[in-house]
Every structure is written in structure tokens, then in C-alpha cells.
């Protein structure tokens, strides 16, 4: 990644940008939220990578970046909040600023995953239980639209090179119907192989599920991962 020009449109807290910059990438983060950019700046200074980080306060529909400026353009947790025309407009801008032969990555929550949906159910229950605290929900959190990311990319003349899932780990005690019959054997065998003695720490549990994720097939990761992602390549 050293020296690679990478942009995140809708960078939020900037954690992903910081990780990329730590690996030597030259990263640019754009967001409408000044607070998000201040936090991203803090992270870059904390990790001593500010020379690799450029931050821009603006809209991702009209970024102001040059044509073909970046080798990789991506975002995570953005497209699910956009209607069809909005999604097309954003992807069009991502394509414009990506170099020929470069890559575009989109990651969204996997609404079909029983592990992710379990988390959302618990979140909703918590909001309802403590509604007297007057929680503030950001407006776009209430906007969720189904998208076919493959169709969206192919409609912008991108060659889809990868579809996969991330974060296979249950957010709650697994119920009988959470895992399909054909997948139970994989999880049971993997857990039996990886767990030789009781796990008593959060770090230990994370390590086990990380290893399970690594040996799972892309199809299984797309069924159970909290996020799904797609990578398209712009024609050279």
C-alpha cells in the first residue's frame, strides 16, 4: 500500500483511513461532518501519520477532485442510506475520480445476516427501554434502502472482481434457526477444532471468530458476515 492514493468518500470517524495510512498509503478523507473530520485529524496525529492524511469537508456527489486522481476509492456504511438515483450519482463520482485500471470498493451492512439482525434487534430494544434518555438518532440512520450492488457497478461499466463478507461473529446467543442446516456442520467442526479449552476473555473469542472467518468460503461469509462488500475495477 506504500504510496498508493486512496480516497474514502464519507469517511466518518476515519478509523479505516488511519489503518491504511499506517501501512503507507496516501489517504484522502471527505465528509460533510466537521466533527468527523476533527476526530479523524485527532487519530492521524495520535498515530503520527498526519503527513499521509488529507481531509476535505464537502459533499461526495461533487467532490471537486480531479478526474482519475485516485487508485482506489471506497466507502463503508454509506450506500444503504441512498435511494437509487442518489446511489447512481455517488458511484458515478467515484468512477470519475478513479484512475483507469483502479478499484472501487463499497461495503454495506448485511441485512440478511442473522448475526447482524440480532445486533439490530438488541439495539432497537435498548432504545425502547431507555427512551427517557432522549437519544438523538442521526437522520440518515432511519433511511435504509435495498440495493443490488452488482447491478449498480455493472451499470457503470465496472468489472466486478470480488464479492465477499466481513465479520462473521454472532452478536447474541445463537438460536436454532440462525444457522441453516447445511452450515451447522462447518461452524460445529470449526469451533471444535479451534476451542481446546474454555475461552474466558473477549480477545480470545475474537481470535476464534477471526480464524473461522478466514477459513470460511466467500459464500458463507456473505451469508453470516455483518457486512458485505463488492469491488469493481475501472476499465484501463
Protein backbone atom coordinates (compact mmCIF):
# COMPACT_ATOMS: atom_id res chain seq x y z
CA UNK A 1 0.00 0.00 0.00
CA UNK A 2 3.00 2.32 0.29
CA UNK A 3 2.47 5.42 -1.81
CA UNK A 4 -0.97 4.37 -3.07
CA UNK A 5 -3.50 7.19 -3.47
CA UNK A 6 -6.72 6.10 -1.75
CA UNK A 7 -9.87 8.12 -1.08
CA UNK A 8 -12.81 7.43 1.23
CA UNK A 9 -15.98 9.34 0.40
CA UNK A 10 -17.93 9.58 3.63
CA UNK A 11 -15.01 8.80 5.93
CA UNK A 12 -16.84 9.21 9.24
CA UNK A 13 -14.55 8.63 12.22
CA UNK A 14 -11.56 7.97 9.98
CA UNK A 15 -10.52 4.70 11.61
CA UNK A 16 -10.15 2.92 8.27
CA UNK A 17 -8.15 5.81 6.83
CA UNK A 18 -5.80 5.72 9.81
CA UNK A 19 -5.18 1.99 9.33
CA UNK A 20 -4.41 2.50 5.64
CA UNK A 21 -2.12 5.44 6.36
CA UNK A 22 -0.25 3.34 8.93
CA UNK A 23 0.54 0.94 6.10
CA UNK A 24 1.99 3.74 3.99
CA UNK A 25 -0.99 4.72 1.82
CA UNK A 26 -1.59 8.36 0.95
CA UNK A 27 -5.21 8.72 2.03
CA UNK A 28 -7.84 11.40 1.45
CA UNK A 29 -11.00 11.50 3.55
CA UNK A 30 -14.08 13.51 2.58
CA UNK A 31 -17.10 14.05 4.80
CA UNK A 32 -19.84 16.63 5.31
CA UNK A 33 -19.40 16.38 9.08
CA UNK A 34 -16.80 18.73 10.52
CA UNK A 35 -16.90 16.78 13.79
CA UNK A 36 -15.98 13.57 11.94
CA UNK A 37 -13.04 15.29 10.29
CA UNK A 38 -11.82 16.73 13.60
CA UNK A 39 -11.82 13.22 15.07
CA UNK A 40 -10.03 11.85 12.01
CA UNK A 41 -7.41 14.58 12.40
CA UNK A 42 -7.01 13.60 16.04
CA UNK A 43 -6.45 9.96 15.06
CA UNK A 44 -3.86 10.88 12.45
CA UNK A 45 -1.94 12.97 14.97
CA UNK A 46 -2.25 10.32 17.67
CA UNK A 47 -0.69 7.68 15.39
CA UNK A 48 1.82 10.10 13.86
CA UNK A 49 0.56 9.63 10.30
CA UNK A 50 -0.78 13.11 9.56
CA UNK A 51 1.67 13.58 6.67
CA UNK A 52 -0.17 10.75 4.88
CA UNK A 53 -3.68 12.09 5.55
CA UNK A 54 -5.62 14.79 3.66
CA UNK A 55 -9.07 15.78 4.90
CA UNK A 56 -11.78 17.59 2.94
CA UNK A 57 -15.07 19.00 4.20
CA UNK A 58 -17.53 18.60 1.33
CA UNK A 59 -20.20 16.55 -0.42
CA UNK A 60 -19.42 13.23 -2.05
CA UNK A 61 -21.71 13.93 -5.02
CA UNK A 62 -19.44 16.75 -6.22
CA UNK A 63 -16.07 16.20 -4.60
CA UNK A 64 -14.04 18.71 -6.59
CA UNK A 65 -11.30 16.12 -7.06
CA UNK A 66 -9.60 15.76 -10.43
CA UNK A 67 -10.56 13.09 -12.95
CA UNK A 68 -8.64 9.82 -12.39
CA UNK A 69 -6.95 11.17 -9.24
CA UNK A 70 -7.04 8.02 -7.07
CA UNK A 71 -6.03 4.39 -7.44
CA UNK A 72 -8.74 3.22 -5.03
CA UNK A 73 -11.97 4.94 -3.98
CA UNK A 74 -14.19 3.36 -1.34
CA UNK A 75 -16.70 3.84 1.41
CA UNK A 76 -18.41 1.78 4.08
CA UNK A 77 -21.88 2.21 5.53
CA UNK A 78 -22.95 4.89 3.06
CA UNK A 79 -24.81 3.36 0.11
CA UNK A 80 -27.53 1.72 2.19
CA UNK A 81 -28.77 5.21 3.11
CA UNK A 82 -29.15 6.32 -0.52
CA UNK A 83 -32.07 5.97 -2.90
CA UNK A 84 -31.46 4.56 -6.38
CA UNK A 85 -30.73 7.86 -8.13
CA UNK A 86 -28.55 9.04 -5.25
CA UNK A 87 -26.56 5.80 -5.32
CA UNK A 88 -26.02 6.11 -9.07
CA UNK A 89 -24.86 9.71 -8.67
CA UNK A 90 -22.37 8.84 -5.94
CA UNK A 91 -20.98 5.84 -7.80
CA UNK A 92 -20.64 7.97 -10.93
CA UNK A 93 -18.50 10.43 -8.98
CA UNK A 94 -16.41 7.57 -7.54
CA UNK A 95 -15.83 6.25 -11.06
CA UNK A 96 -14.85 9.70 -12.34
CA UNK A 97 -12.10 10.24 -9.77
CA UNK A 98 -10.70 6.68 -10.06
CA UNK A 99 -7.78 6.03 -12.38
CA UNK A 100 -8.26 3.66 -15.33
CA UNK A 101 -7.48 0.20 -14.01
CA UNK A 102 -8.16 1.37 -10.46
CA UNK A 103 -10.62 -0.10 -7.99
CA UNK A 104 -13.86 0.96 -6.31
CA UNK A 105 -14.97 -0.77 -3.11
CA UNK A 106 -18.40 -0.47 -1.50
CA UNK A 107 -19.26 -2.03 1.85
CA UNK A 108 -22.74 -2.05 3.40
CA UNK A 109 -24.36 -3.76 6.41
CA UNK A 110 -25.56 -7.27 5.62
CA UNK A 111 -29.26 -7.01 6.44
CA UNK A 112 -29.72 -10.71 5.61
CA UNK A 113 -27.20 -11.92 8.20
CA UNK A 114 -28.85 -13.44 11.29
CA UNK A 115 -25.85 -12.30 13.33
CA UNK A 116 -26.22 -8.68 12.19
CA UNK A 117 -30.01 -8.69 12.51
CA UNK A 118 -29.64 -9.96 16.07
CA UNK A 119 -27.49 -6.94 16.85
CA UNK A 120 -30.08 -4.58 15.31
CA UNK A 121 -32.84 -6.18 17.38
CA UNK A 122 -30.85 -5.66 20.57
CA UNK A 123 -30.13 -2.06 19.56
CA UNK A 124 -33.82 -1.36 18.96
CA UNK A 125 -34.74 -2.95 22.29
CA UNK A 126 -32.17 -0.80 24.08
CA UNK A 127 -33.52 2.40 22.51
CA UNK A 128 -37.06 1.47 23.52
CA UNK A 129 -36.02 0.51 27.04
CA UNK A 130 -34.16 3.76 27.68
CA UNK A 131 -36.30 6.12 25.60
CA UNK A 132 -36.50 8.55 28.52
CA UNK A 133 -32.85 9.45 27.80
CA UNK A 134 -33.97 11.28 24.63
CA UNK A 135 -31.49 9.56 22.33
CA UNK A 136 -30.66 11.50 19.19
CA UNK A 137 -30.72 9.36 16.07
CA UNK A 138 -28.93 10.81 13.07
CA UNK A 139 -31.48 11.33 10.25
CA UNK A 140 -29.79 9.06 7.75
CA UNK A 141 -29.81 6.15 10.23
CA UNK A 142 -33.56 5.93 9.65
CA UNK A 143 -33.04 5.71 5.88
CA UNK A 144 -32.34 2.20 4.65
CA UNK A 145 -32.83 1.21 1.02
CA UNK A 146 -32.20 -2.17 -0.66
CA UNK A 147 -29.54 -2.09 -3.36
CA UNK A 148 -28.15 -4.58 -5.85
CA UNK A 149 -24.51 -3.52 -5.78
CA UNK A 150 -23.52 -5.80 -8.66
CA UNK A 151 -26.15 -4.29 -10.94
CA UNK A 152 -25.14 -0.81 -9.81
CA UNK A 153 -21.48 -1.42 -10.63
CA UNK A 154 -22.09 -3.17 -13.93
CA UNK A 155 -24.41 -0.31 -14.88
CA UNK A 156 -21.40 1.99 -14.53
CA UNK A 157 -19.22 -0.20 -16.79
CA UNK A 158 -17.21 -1.59 -13.87
CA UNK A 159 -15.88 -5.14 -13.92
CA UNK A 160 -16.87 -6.85 -10.66
CA UNK A 161 -13.77 -8.66 -9.37
CA UNK A 162 -14.78 -9.61 -5.82
CA UNK A 163 -17.89 -10.05 -3.67
CA UNK A 164 -17.42 -11.14 -0.08
CA UNK A 165 -18.47 -10.71 3.54
CA UNK A 166 -16.80 -9.50 6.73
CA UNK A 167 -17.12 -10.04 10.48
CA UNK A 168 -18.55 -13.49 10.98
CA UNK A 169 -19.38 -13.42 14.67
CA UNK A 170 -22.73 -13.72 16.44
CA UNK A 171 -23.89 -10.66 18.35
CA UNK A 172 -26.06 -12.74 20.64
CA UNK A 173 -26.63 -16.33 21.71
CA UNK A 174 -27.22 -18.32 18.55
CA UNK A 175 -30.79 -19.51 18.10
CA UNK A 176 -31.89 -22.72 16.42
CA UNK A 177 -32.88 -21.02 13.17
CA UNK A 178 -29.93 -18.60 12.97
CA UNK A 179 -27.77 -21.08 11.05
CA UNK A 180 -29.00 -23.19 8.17
CA UNK A 181 -28.67 -26.95 8.40
CA UNK A 182 -26.01 -27.12 5.70
CA UNK A 183 -23.83 -24.59 7.57
CA UNK A 184 -24.18 -26.04 11.08
CA UNK A 185 -21.57 -28.70 10.32
CA UNK A 186 -19.00 -26.08 9.30
CA UNK A 187 -19.45 -24.00 12.44
CA UNK A 188 -19.54 -27.03 14.74
CA UNK A 189 -16.40 -28.57 13.23
CA UNK A 190 -14.53 -25.25 13.23
CA UNK A 191 -15.39 -24.46 16.84
CA UNK A 192 -14.47 -27.98 17.97
CA UNK A 193 -11.10 -27.69 16.20
CA UNK A 194 -10.28 -24.18 17.45
CA UNK A 195 -11.52 -24.36 21.04
CA UNK A 196 -9.38 -26.77 23.03
CA UNK A 197 -10.22 -25.24 26.41
CA UNK A 198 -12.77 -22.73 27.76
CA UNK A 199 -12.30 -19.18 26.47
CA UNK A 200 -12.53 -16.64 29.25
CA UNK A 201 -11.61 -13.37 27.53
CA UNK A 202 -13.19 -11.20 24.85
CA UNK A 203 -9.87 -11.21 22.97
CA UNK A 204 -9.91 -15.00 22.90
CA UNK A 205 -13.41 -15.09 21.46
CA UNK A 206 -12.49 -12.51 18.83
CA UNK A 207 -9.44 -14.57 17.81
CA UNK A 208 -11.57 -17.70 17.37
CA UNK A 209 -14.15 -15.98 15.20
CA UNK A 210 -11.42 -14.28 13.17
CA UNK A 211 -9.92 -17.69 12.39
CA UNK A 212 -13.35 -19.07 11.47
CA UNK A 213 -13.84 -16.14 9.11
CA UNK A 214 -10.51 -16.84 7.42
CA UNK A 215 -11.32 -20.48 6.66
CA UNK A 216 -14.94 -19.87 5.62
CA UNK A 217 -15.89 -19.68 1.96
CA UNK A 218 -16.82 -16.28 0.45
CA UNK A 219 -20.40 -17.52 0.09
CA UNK A 220 -20.60 -18.37 3.79
CA UNK A 221 -19.03 -15.05 4.77
CA UNK A 222 -21.68 -13.29 2.66
CA UNK A 223 -24.45 -15.20 4.46
CA UNK A 224 -23.27 -14.53 8.01
CA UNK A 225 -20.90 -11.54 7.93
CA UNK A 226 -22.11 -8.31 9.49
CA UNK A 227 -21.02 -6.50 6.32
CA UNK A 228 -20.90 -7.44 2.66
CA UNK A 229 -18.69 -5.74 0.14
CA UNK A 230 -18.07 -5.61 -3.57
CA UNK A 231 -15.03 -4.50 -5.56
CA UNK A 232 -15.24 -3.22 -9.12
CA UNK A 233 -12.41 -2.33 -11.50
CA UNK A 234 -12.50 0.59 -13.89
CA UNK A 235 -11.52 -0.25 -17.46
CA UNK A 236 -7.88 0.52 -18.23
